[in-house]
Amino acid sequence: MKNTSNLIEKKHFYYILLHILLAVNSIGGIFSKMASQHDFLSPEFCLFYAGIIGILMAYAIVWQQILKHIPLTTAFCNKAVSIIWGIVWGFLIFKESVTWNMIIGAVIVIVGVIIVVKSDE
């Protein structure tokens, strides 16, 4: 019983880590949008571009570690949550409006992720 409980806790840890990773990866989109607001190869552009590369490098390493513990199909399905992070960052940082279509789409994504995760259990 204790061993099963331990495995479930470990699996939950990797799902939480996956979603933290996806949130951090979505920050690359913020950096990309910020870089586009500066002249090509300006110091600001290069700084944001370096941030994108750094995030992608960290993402690649942590993604591979997560795949050791979570099935690829499940992990890849969870990447759809990045759409929700895009909505959140757009609203908080770029003052973009959130429409009902965005909210409905986000709910559909969350339901889809839950269905896939539950089916793997």
Foldseek 3Di string as FASTA:
>chain_A
DVVVVVLVVVLVVLVVVLVVLLLLLLVLVVLVVQLVVDDPPDPSNVVSVVSNVVSVVVSVVSVVVSCVSDPPVLSVLVNVCSLVSVVVCCCPPVVDDDDPVSVVVNVVSVVSSVVVVVVVD
